Protein backbone atom coordinates (compact mmCIF):
# COMPACT_ATOMS: atom_id res chain seq x y z
CA UNK A 1 53.52 43.12 -31.71
CA UNK A 2 51.23 43.41 -34.96
CA UNK A 3 53.04 43.46 -38.36
CA UNK A 4 52.20 46.18 -40.62
CA UNK A 5 52.97 48.39 -43.74
CA UNK A 6 52.82 51.74 -43.89
CA UNK A 7 50.50 53.04 -46.88
CA UNK A 8 50.23 56.75 -46.13
CA UNK A 9 52.99 58.73 -45.21
CA UNK A 10 51.67 62.27 -46.17
CA UNK A 11 50.36 64.97 -44.24
CA UNK A 12 53.67 64.98 -41.49
CA UNK A 13 52.41 67.87 -39.10
CA UNK A 14 54.91 70.08 -38.92
CA UNK A 15 55.76 69.95 -35.29
CA UNK A 16 57.14 66.09 -36.09
CA UNK A 17 60.76 66.01 -36.67
CA UNK A 18 61.71 64.05 -39.85
CA UNK A 19 63.53 61.28 -38.49
CA UNK A 20 60.22 60.72 -36.30
CA UNK A 21 58.31 60.17 -39.14
CA UNK A 22 57.04 57.05 -41.34
CA UNK A 23 58.10 55.61 -44.78
CA UNK A 24 55.25 54.63 -47.17
CA UNK A 25 55.97 50.76 -48.28
CA UNK A 26 58.00 50.19 -44.93
CA UNK A 27 57.19 47.22 -42.47
CA UNK A 28 56.56 48.51 -39.13
CA UNK A 29 55.49 46.52 -35.72
CA UNK A 30 52.35 48.16 -33.69
CA UNK A 31 53.15 47.71 -29.90
CA UNK A 32 50.60 49.43 -28.27
CA UNK A 33 47.26 51.05 -29.22
CA UNK A 34 45.63 54.58 -27.94
CA UNK A 35 42.58 56.25 -28.16
CA UNK A 36 42.79 60.04 -28.61
CA UNK A 37 39.13 61.25 -27.58
CA UNK A 38 40.18 65.08 -28.36
CA UNK A 39 41.19 63.75 -32.23
CA UNK A 40 38.82 61.18 -32.13
CA UNK A 41 41.43 58.84 -33.76
CA UNK A 42 43.05 55.33 -33.14
CA UNK A 43 46.37 55.77 -32.92
CA UNK A 44 49.72 53.32 -32.37
CA UNK A 45 53.13 53.16 -31.11
CA UNK A 46 55.62 51.52 -33.29
CA UNK A 47 58.66 49.24 -32.42
CA UNK A 48 60.88 50.84 -35.37
CA UNK A 49 59.48 54.75 -34.96
CA UNK A 50 58.99 56.49 -31.66
CA UNK A 51 57.83 60.14 -31.30
CA UNK A 52 59.90 62.01 -28.95
CA UNK A 53 59.48 65.27 -26.55
CA UNK A 54 60.05 67.12 -29.57
CA UNK A 55 57.30 66.10 -31.63
CA UNK A 56 54.35 67.22 -29.24
CA UNK A 57 51.51 67.03 -29.06
CA UNK A 58 51.69 63.93 -31.49
CA UNK A 59 52.62 60.87 -29.49
CA UNK A 60 50.91 58.26 -32.04
CA UNK A 61 50.48 57.55 -35.54
CA UNK A 62 46.64 57.22 -37.19
CA UNK A 63 45.64 53.58 -37.59
CA UNK A 64 44.62 54.37 -40.84
CA UNK A 65 48.22 55.11 -42.20
CA UNK A 66 48.68 51.41 -42.11
CA UNK A 67 47.43 48.10 -44.07
CA UNK A 68 46.53 44.93 -42.30
CA UNK A 69 46.48 41.40 -43.20
CA UNK A 70 43.30 39.54 -42.03
CA UNK A 71 45.39 37.37 -39.24
CA UNK A 72 46.95 41.18 -38.21
CA UNK A 73 43.23 42.86 -38.18
CA UNK A 74 42.50 40.41 -35.81
CA UNK A 75 45.36 40.88 -33.38
CA UNK A 76 44.91 44.44 -33.87
CA UNK A 77 41.41 44.19 -32.42
CA UNK A 78 42.50 42.10 -29.72
CA UNK A 79 45.33 44.73 -29.32
CA UNK A 80 42.77 47.57 -29.17
CA UNK A 81 40.62 45.39 -26.29
CA UNK A 82 43.68 44.89 -24.23
CA UNK A 83 44.92 48.44 -24.34
CA UNK A 84 41.49 49.87 -23.71
CA UNK A 85 40.74 51.02 -20.18
CA UNK A 86 37.28 52.36 -21.36
CA UNK A 87 34.59 49.93 -20.22
CA UNK A 88 31.73 51.21 -22.80
CA UNK A 89 34.47 51.57 -25.71
CA UNK A 90 32.96 49.89 -29.05
CA UNK A 91 35.85 48.33 -30.35
CA UNK A 92 34.16 47.45 -33.75
CA UNK A 93 32.94 50.99 -34.36
CA UNK A 94 36.37 52.56 -33.74
CA UNK A 95 37.95 49.67 -36.27
CA UNK A 96 35.03 51.06 -38.70
CA UNK A 97 35.63 54.54 -37.85
CA UNK A 98 39.34 54.20 -38.69
CA UNK A 99 39.15 53.36 -42.51
CA UNK A 100 41.62 50.67 -41.93
CA UNK A 101 43.16 48.77 -45.31
CA UNK A 102 43.30 44.92 -45.31
CA UNK A 103 45.56 43.83 -47.61
CA UNK A 104 47.74 41.06 -48.42
CA UNK A 105 51.19 42.04 -47.49
């Protein structure tokens, strides 16, 4: 799991149940990373908040909603590699496209 802090809880999709949403400033732990080719974004699953069936079609949270320490960023890169089943997936390009915030938590 990777420790992170939510820095952006804005623009909650209407389809997402309020109890399934993030709170800015709260600490979370990423358990899995997904790539959504239809949306062109990186998403993650969290230990503390799970998007349920009532939140469909949303199944994960955008990585850009979170801030990472340098150490957590390295863990995230490794998790993306471990979670990815795409042979030609460019992890560093995906990280750059996420506009991740590096922060001392």
